[in-house]
Amino acid sequence: MFRLGPTELLIILGILILLFGVGRIGKIAGELGSGIRAFKSGLEGEEKTKG
């Protein structure tokens, strides 16, 4: 299977910074984190209503 090492991850990160800029990447990461939190809380709420 294909594995990414530290060098490949740094190259990908560098390309993302060139494409989007540092500020926009931070904003995207924050929105992704809040989306994951909302998804998890939605799953927990769904489990509470089942049992």
Protein backbone atom coordinates (compact mmCIF):
# COMPACT_ATOMS: atom_id res chain seq x y z
CA MET A 1 0.00 0.00 0.00
CA PHE A 2 1.12 3.55 -0.64
CA ARG A 3 2.46 5.33 2.45
CA LEU A 4 3.36 8.98 2.85
CA GLY A 5 6.59 9.74 4.65
CA PRO A 6 7.59 13.01 6.30
CA THR A 7 9.24 14.33 3.13
CA GLU A 8 6.13 13.77 1.03
CA LEU A 9 3.91 15.39 3.67
CA LEU A 10 6.17 18.47 3.74
CA ILE A 11 6.04 18.75 -0.04
CA ILE A 12 2.23 18.50 -0.02
CA LEU A 13 2.03 21.09 2.77
CA GLY A 14 4.30 23.42 0.81
CA ILE A 15 2.15 23.12 -2.30
CA LEU A 16 -1.01 23.81 -0.27
CA ILE A 17 0.57 26.92 1.25
CA LEU A 18 1.54 28.16 -2.22
CA LEU A 19 -1.95 27.55 -3.57
CA PHE A 20 -4.10 28.84 -0.72
CA GLY A 21 -1.88 30.92 1.55
CA VAL A 22 -1.28 30.51 5.27
CA GLY A 23 -4.35 32.47 6.43
CA ARG A 24 -6.80 30.56 4.30
CA ILE A 25 -5.38 27.17 5.33
CA GLY A 26 -5.87 28.12 8.99
CA LYS A 27 -9.46 29.10 8.28
CA ILE A 28 -10.13 25.86 6.40
CA ALA A 29 -8.60 23.81 9.23
CA GLY A 30 -10.76 25.61 11.81
CA GLU A 31 -13.92 25.02 9.80
CA LEU A 32 -12.99 21.37 9.32
CA GLY A 33 -12.47 20.96 13.07
CA SER A 34 -15.80 22.55 13.92
CA GLY A 35 -17.50 20.37 11.32
CA ILE A 36 -16.02 17.22 12.83
CA ARG A 37 -17.11 18.33 16.32
CA ALA A 38 -20.65 18.97 15.09
CA PHE A 39 -20.71 15.57 13.38
CA LYS A 40 -19.56 13.79 16.56
CA SER A 41 -22.09 15.60 18.72
CA GLY A 42 -24.79 14.72 16.21
CA LEU A 43 -23.85 11.05 16.44
CA GLU A 44 -23.87 11.18 20.24
CA GLY A 45 -27.29 12.82 20.23
CA GLU A 46 -28.59 10.16 17.88
CA GLU A 47 -27.32 7.38 20.16
CA LYS A 48 -28.96 8.99 23.20
CA THR A 49 -32.35 9.07 21.51
CA LYS A 50 -32.08 5.38 20.49
CA GLY A 51 -31.33 3.92 23.89
